[in-house]
């Protein structure tokens, strides 16, 4: 379970490498938690599905999932990146977001155990 959380964190950091200072507001921790949880599910799904479309965690498909997630939450990639940059500069806040995610992810894992 921790590997998946670290993978999501790594993806979020990788996406945020393009440091553009933005005057936009930072995404609230509760909303960031939902976004990162959805990204976690997308990452997990892309590694578990075994069909011709997603055989080896197709990065294009994962990018498409991320785009859909951001659209669902009504934020742009720039807003997400600037918020991730802010969270990188405030790691205690990012730790808090992830600490609040863990119980929800654990609950989902107990409902849908890995076979």
N, C-alpha and C. Protein backbone atom coordinates (compact mmCIF):
# COMPACT_ATOMS: atom_id res chain seq x y z
N UNK A 1 0.84 -1.18 0.00
CA UNK A 1 0.00 0.00 0.00
C UNK A 1 0.88 1.25 0.00
N UNK A 2 1.94 1.23 0.77
CA UNK A 2 2.82 2.40 0.84
C UNK A 2 3.52 2.65 -0.49
N UNK A 3 3.79 1.58 -1.21
CA UNK A 3 4.44 1.73 -2.51
C UNK A 3 3.54 2.54 -3.44
N UNK A 4 2.24 2.28 -3.41
CA UNK A 4 1.32 3.02 -4.27
C UNK A 4 1.25 4.48 -3.85
N UNK A 5 1.27 4.74 -2.57
CA UNK A 5 1.24 6.12 -2.10
C UNK A 5 2.51 6.84 -2.52
N UNK A 6 3.64 6.17 -2.40
CA UNK A 6 4.90 6.77 -2.84
C UNK A 6 4.89 7.00 -4.35
N UNK A 7 4.28 6.08 -5.09
CA UNK A 7 4.21 6.25 -6.55
C UNK A 7 3.39 7.48 -6.92
N UNK A 8 2.29 7.68 -6.22
CA UNK A 8 1.47 8.86 -6.48
C UNK A 8 2.24 10.13 -6.13
N UNK A 9 2.93 10.09 -5.00
CA UNK A 9 3.73 11.25 -4.58
C UNK A 9 4.80 11.54 -5.64
N UNK A 10 5.46 10.50 -6.11
CA UNK A 10 6.48 10.66 -7.13
C UNK A 10 5.89 11.25 -8.40
N UNK A 11 4.72 10.75 -8.82
CA UNK A 11 4.07 11.29 -10.02
C UNK A 11 3.72 12.76 -9.85
N UNK A 12 3.21 13.08 -8.67
CA UNK A 12 2.85 14.47 -8.41
C UNK A 12 4.08 15.37 -8.47
N UNK A 13 5.19 14.89 -7.92
CA UNK A 13 6.42 15.67 -7.97
C UNK A 13 6.96 15.75 -9.39
N UNK A 14 6.83 14.67 -10.14
CA UNK A 14 7.29 14.66 -11.52
C UNK A 14 6.49 15.64 -12.36
N UNK A 15 5.19 15.67 -12.15
CA UNK A 15 4.33 16.60 -12.88
C UNK A 15 4.69 18.04 -12.55
N UNK A 16 5.13 18.26 -11.33
CA UNK A 16 5.37 19.63 -10.87
C UNK A 16 6.77 20.15 -11.20
N UNK A 17 7.56 19.39 -11.93
CA UNK A 17 8.93 19.83 -12.21
C UNK A 17 9.01 21.15 -12.97
N UNK A 18 7.99 21.48 -13.73
CA UNK A 18 7.96 22.74 -14.46
C UNK A 18 7.51 23.84 -13.51
N UNK A 19 8.47 24.49 -12.87
CA UNK A 19 8.14 25.48 -11.84
C UNK A 19 7.73 26.80 -12.45
N UNK A 20 6.44 27.05 -12.45
CA UNK A 20 5.90 28.31 -12.94
C UNK A 20 5.28 29.01 -11.74
N UNK A 21 5.85 30.12 -11.33
CA UNK A 21 5.22 30.81 -10.21
C UNK A 21 3.84 31.30 -10.63
N UNK A 22 2.87 30.99 -9.80
CA UNK A 22 1.50 31.37 -10.15
C UNK A 22 0.88 32.21 -9.05
N UNK A 23 0.02 33.13 -9.44
CA UNK A 23 -0.67 33.94 -8.47
C UNK A 23 -1.99 33.31 -8.06
N UNK A 24 -2.20 32.07 -8.46
CA UNK A 24 -3.46 31.40 -8.17
C UNK A 24 -3.44 30.85 -6.75
N UNK A 25 -4.62 30.68 -6.21
CA UNK A 25 -4.75 30.13 -4.87
C UNK A 25 -4.32 28.68 -4.84
N UNK A 26 -3.84 28.27 -3.69
CA UNK A 26 -3.44 26.89 -3.48
C UNK A 26 -4.70 26.05 -3.28
N UNK A 27 -4.70 24.87 -3.85
CA UNK A 27 -5.83 23.96 -3.68
C UNK A 27 -5.91 23.57 -2.21
N UNK A 28 -7.11 23.65 -1.66
CA UNK A 28 -7.33 23.33 -0.25
C UNK A 28 -6.92 21.89 0.05
N UNK A 29 -6.42 21.64 1.25
CA UNK A 29 -5.96 20.29 1.61
C UNK A 29 -7.02 19.21 1.38
N UNK A 30 -8.27 19.50 1.70
CA UNK A 30 -9.34 18.51 1.52
C UNK A 30 -9.51 18.15 0.05
N UNK A 31 -9.48 19.16 -0.81
CA UNK A 31 -9.63 18.92 -2.24
C UNK A 31 -8.38 18.24 -2.80
N UNK A 32 -7.20 18.66 -2.33
CA UNK A 32 -5.95 18.03 -2.77
C UNK A 32 -5.95 16.56 -2.39
N UNK A 33 -6.48 16.26 -1.22
CA UNK A 33 -6.58 14.87 -0.77
C UNK A 33 -7.43 14.06 -1.75
N UNK A 34 -8.56 14.60 -2.17
CA UNK A 34 -9.43 13.90 -3.11
C UNK A 34 -8.75 13.71 -4.46
N UNK A 35 -8.06 14.74 -4.92
CA UNK A 35 -7.37 14.67 -6.21
C UNK A 35 -6.27 13.62 -6.17
N UNK A 36 -5.45 13.66 -5.12
CA UNK A 36 -4.35 12.70 -5.01
C UNK A 36 -4.86 11.28 -4.80
N UNK A 37 -5.99 11.14 -4.11
CA UNK A 37 -6.60 9.81 -3.95
C UNK A 37 -7.03 9.27 -5.31
N UNK A 38 -7.69 10.12 -6.11
CA UNK A 38 -8.09 9.69 -7.44
C UNK A 38 -6.88 9.33 -8.30
N UNK A 39 -5.80 10.11 -8.17
CA UNK A 39 -4.58 9.81 -8.92
C UNK A 39 -3.98 8.48 -8.45
N UNK A 40 -4.08 8.22 -7.16
CA UNK A 40 -3.60 6.95 -6.62
C UNK A 40 -4.38 5.80 -7.26
N UNK A 41 -5.71 5.94 -7.33
CA UNK A 41 -6.53 4.90 -7.95
C UNK A 41 -6.17 4.73 -9.41
N UNK A 42 -5.95 5.82 -10.13
CA UNK A 42 -5.58 5.73 -11.54
C UNK A 42 -4.24 5.01 -11.71
N UNK A 43 -3.29 5.34 -10.85
CA UNK A 43 -1.99 4.68 -10.90
C UNK A 43 -2.13 3.19 -10.63
N UNK A 44 -2.90 2.84 -9.62
CA UNK A 44 -3.11 1.44 -9.28
C UNK A 44 -3.81 0.71 -10.42
N UNK A 45 -4.85 1.32 -10.95
CA UNK A 45 -5.59 0.71 -12.05
C UNK A 45 -4.67 0.46 -13.24
N UNK A 46 -3.84 1.42 -13.54
CA UNK A 46 -2.97 1.28 -14.72
C UNK A 46 -1.93 0.19 -14.54
N UNK A 47 -1.62 -0.20 -13.30
CA UNK A 47 -0.66 -1.28 -13.08
C UNK A 47 -1.32 -2.64 -12.96
N UNK A 48 -2.63 -2.65 -12.69
CA UNK A 48 -3.31 -3.92 -12.44
C UNK A 48 -4.07 -4.47 -13.63
N UNK A 49 -4.51 -3.60 -14.51
CA UNK A 49 -5.29 -4.05 -15.66
C UNK A 49 -4.36 -4.78 -16.62
N UNK A 50 -4.79 -5.94 -17.04
CA UNK A 50 -3.94 -6.74 -17.92
C UNK A 50 -4.69 -7.03 -19.22
N UNK A 51 -4.75 -6.05 -20.07
CA UNK A 51 -5.32 -6.25 -21.39
C UNK A 51 -4.43 -5.58 -22.42
N UNK A 52 -4.78 -5.70 -23.67
CA UNK A 52 -3.91 -5.18 -24.72
C UNK A 52 -3.80 -3.66 -24.67
N UNK A 53 -4.80 -2.99 -24.12
CA UNK A 53 -4.77 -1.53 -24.06
C UNK A 53 -3.81 -1.02 -22.99
N UNK A 54 -3.71 -1.72 -21.88
CA UNK A 54 -2.94 -1.21 -20.75
C UNK A 54 -1.90 -2.22 -20.25
N UNK A 55 -1.31 -2.97 -21.12
CA UNK A 55 -0.45 -4.06 -20.70
C UNK A 55 0.70 -3.62 -19.78
N UNK A 56 1.39 -2.56 -20.08
CA UNK A 56 2.55 -2.16 -19.30
C UNK A 56 2.44 -0.75 -18.74
N UNK A 57 1.33 -0.45 -18.14
CA UNK A 57 1.11 0.87 -17.55
C UNK A 57 1.40 1.95 -18.58
N UNK A 58 0.58 2.00 -19.56
CA UNK A 58 0.71 2.95 -20.65
C UNK A 58 0.70 4.38 -20.11
N UNK A 59 1.80 5.09 -20.27
CA UNK A 59 1.93 6.44 -19.72
C UNK A 59 0.95 7.42 -20.37
N UNK A 60 0.64 7.20 -21.64
CA UNK A 60 -0.34 8.05 -22.30
C UNK A 60 -1.71 7.88 -21.65
N UNK A 61 -2.06 6.65 -21.33
CA UNK A 61 -3.34 6.39 -20.68
C UNK A 61 -3.36 7.00 -19.28
N UNK A 62 -2.27 6.90 -18.57
CA UNK A 62 -2.19 7.48 -17.23
C UNK A 62 -2.33 9.00 -17.32
N UNK A 63 -1.70 9.61 -18.31
CA UNK A 63 -1.84 11.06 -18.50
C UNK A 63 -3.29 11.41 -18.81
N UNK A 64 -3.95 10.56 -19.58
CA UNK A 64 -5.37 10.77 -19.88
C UNK A 64 -6.21 10.67 -18.61
N UNK A 65 -5.88 9.69 -17.75
CA UNK A 65 -6.58 9.56 -16.47
C UNK A 65 -6.39 10.83 -15.64
N UNK A 66 -5.15 11.31 -15.57
CA UNK A 66 -4.86 12.52 -14.79
C UNK A 66 -5.66 13.71 -15.33
N UNK A 67 -5.71 13.83 -16.64
CA UNK A 67 -6.47 14.92 -17.26
C UNK A 67 -7.94 14.82 -16.88
N UNK A 68 -8.49 13.62 -16.91
CA UNK A 68 -9.89 13.41 -16.53
C UNK A 68 -10.11 13.73 -15.06
N UNK A 69 -9.17 13.36 -14.23
CA UNK A 69 -9.29 13.63 -12.79
C UNK A 69 -9.31 15.14 -12.54
N UNK A 70 -8.39 15.85 -13.17
CA UNK A 70 -8.35 17.30 -12.98
C UNK A 70 -9.62 17.95 -13.52
N UNK A 71 -10.12 17.46 -14.63
CA UNK A 71 -11.36 17.98 -15.19
C UNK A 71 -12.53 17.72 -14.23
N UNK A 72 -12.57 16.52 -13.68
CA UNK A 72 -13.63 16.16 -12.73
C UNK A 72 -13.63 17.10 -11.52
N UNK A 73 -12.46 17.46 -11.05
CA UNK A 73 -12.33 18.34 -9.89
C UNK A 73 -12.34 19.82 -10.27
N UNK A 74 -12.51 20.08 -11.57
CA UNK A 74 -12.62 21.45 -12.09
C UNK A 74 -11.40 22.31 -11.77
N UNK A 75 -10.23 21.74 -12.01
CA UNK A 75 -8.99 22.52 -11.87
C UNK A 75 -8.13 22.28 -13.11
N UNK A 76 -7.27 23.22 -13.39
CA UNK A 76 -6.38 23.09 -14.54
C UNK A 76 -5.06 22.47 -14.09
N UNK A 77 -4.29 22.04 -15.08
CA UNK A 77 -2.97 21.48 -14.77
C UNK A 77 -2.09 22.55 -14.14
N UNK A 78 -2.21 23.80 -14.59
CA UNK A 78 -1.42 24.88 -14.00
C UNK A 78 -1.78 25.10 -12.53
N UNK A 79 -3.07 25.04 -12.22
CA UNK A 79 -3.49 25.17 -10.81
C UNK A 79 -2.93 24.03 -9.97
N UNK A 80 -2.99 22.81 -10.54
CA UNK A 80 -2.46 21.65 -9.82
C UNK A 80 -0.95 21.81 -9.61
N UNK A 81 -0.25 22.19 -10.66
CA UNK A 81 1.21 22.34 -10.55
C UNK A 81 1.60 23.41 -9.54
N UNK A 82 0.93 24.57 -9.59
CA UNK A 82 1.29 25.63 -8.64
C UNK A 82 0.97 25.20 -7.21
N UNK A 83 -0.11 24.45 -7.04
CA UNK A 83 -0.44 23.96 -5.70
C UNK A 83 0.57 22.92 -5.24
N UNK A 84 0.96 22.02 -6.13
CA UNK A 84 1.98 21.03 -5.75
C UNK A 84 3.28 21.73 -5.40
N UNK A 85 3.63 22.76 -6.16
CA UNK A 85 4.84 23.53 -5.83
C UNK A 85 4.73 24.12 -4.42
N UNK A 86 3.55 24.65 -4.08
CA UNK A 86 3.36 25.21 -2.75
C UNK A 86 3.47 24.12 -1.69
N UNK A 87 2.86 22.96 -1.96
CA UNK A 87 2.94 21.86 -1.00
C UNK A 87 4.36 21.34 -0.86
N UNK A 88 5.14 21.38 -1.95
CA UNK A 88 6.55 20.98 -1.85
C UNK A 88 7.33 21.93 -0.94
N UNK A 89 6.95 23.20 -0.97
CA UNK A 89 7.62 24.18 -0.11
C UNK A 89 7.08 24.13 1.33
N UNK A 90 5.98 23.43 1.53
CA UNK A 90 5.36 23.28 2.85
C UNK A 90 5.10 21.79 3.10
N UNK A 91 6.17 21.02 3.28
CA UNK A 91 6.02 19.56 3.37
C UNK A 91 5.16 19.10 4.54
N UNK A 92 5.08 19.89 5.60
CA UNK A 92 4.23 19.48 6.72
C UNK A 92 2.76 19.45 6.29
N UNK A 93 2.37 20.35 5.40
CA UNK A 93 1.00 20.35 4.89
C UNK A 93 0.76 19.15 3.97
N UNK A 94 1.76 18.83 3.14
CA UNK A 94 1.65 17.67 2.26
C UNK A 94 1.58 16.39 3.08
N UNK A 95 2.39 16.30 4.14
CA UNK A 95 2.33 15.14 5.03
C UNK A 95 0.95 15.00 5.65
N UNK A 96 0.35 16.12 6.00
CA UNK A 96 -0.99 16.11 6.58
C UNK A 96 -2.02 15.59 5.56
N UNK A 97 -1.88 16.02 4.32
CA UNK A 97 -2.79 15.55 3.27
C UNK A 97 -2.68 14.04 3.14
N UNK A 98 -1.45 13.53 3.06
CA UNK A 98 -1.26 12.09 2.92
C UNK A 98 -1.68 11.34 4.18
N UNK A 99 -1.45 11.91 5.33
CA UNK A 99 -1.88 11.25 6.58
C UNK A 99 -3.39 11.09 6.61
N UNK A 100 -4.12 12.06 6.06
CA UNK A 100 -5.57 11.96 6.01
C UNK A 100 -6.05 11.01 4.92
N UNK A 101 -5.22 10.76 3.93
CA UNK A 101 -5.58 9.84 2.85
C UNK A 101 -5.48 8.39 3.29
N UNK A 102 -4.53 8.07 4.13
CA UNK A 102 -4.22 6.68 4.47
C UNK A 102 -5.42 5.92 5.03
N UNK A 103 -6.17 6.48 6.00
CA UNK A 103 -7.33 5.71 6.49
C UNK A 103 -8.36 5.40 5.40
N UNK A 104 -8.61 6.35 4.52
CA UNK A 104 -9.57 6.11 3.44
C UNK A 104 -9.07 5.05 2.46
N UNK A 105 -7.79 5.10 2.14
CA UNK A 105 -7.23 4.10 1.22
C UNK A 105 -7.21 2.73 1.88
N UNK A 106 -6.91 2.68 3.17
CA UNK A 106 -6.92 1.40 3.89
C UNK A 106 -8.32 0.82 3.94
N UNK A 107 -9.31 1.68 4.13
CA UNK A 107 -10.70 1.23 4.15
C UNK A 107 -11.08 0.63 2.80
N UNK A 108 -10.71 1.30 1.72
CA UNK A 108 -11.00 0.79 0.38
C UNK A 108 -10.27 -0.53 0.13
N UNK A 109 -9.06 -0.64 0.63
CA UNK A 109 -8.29 -1.87 0.45
C UNK A 109 -8.96 -3.03 1.19
N UNK A 110 -9.55 -2.75 2.35
CA UNK A 110 -10.23 -3.82 3.09
C UNK A 110 -11.52 -4.24 2.40
N UNK A 111 -12.18 -3.29 1.71
CA UNK A 111 -13.40 -3.60 0.99
C UNK A 111 -13.09 -4.38 -0.28
N UNK A 112 -12.03 -3.98 -0.97
CA UNK A 112 -11.63 -4.59 -2.23
C UNK A 112 -10.21 -5.13 -2.12
N UNK A 113 -10.05 -6.28 -1.44
CA UNK A 113 -8.68 -6.80 -1.24
C UNK A 113 -8.04 -7.22 -2.55
N UNK A 114 -6.73 -7.11 -2.59
CA UNK A 114 -5.96 -7.53 -3.76
C UNK A 114 -5.95 -9.05 -3.79
N UNK A 115 -6.25 -9.60 -4.96
CA UNK A 115 -6.32 -11.07 -5.07
C UNK A 115 -5.03 -11.63 -5.57
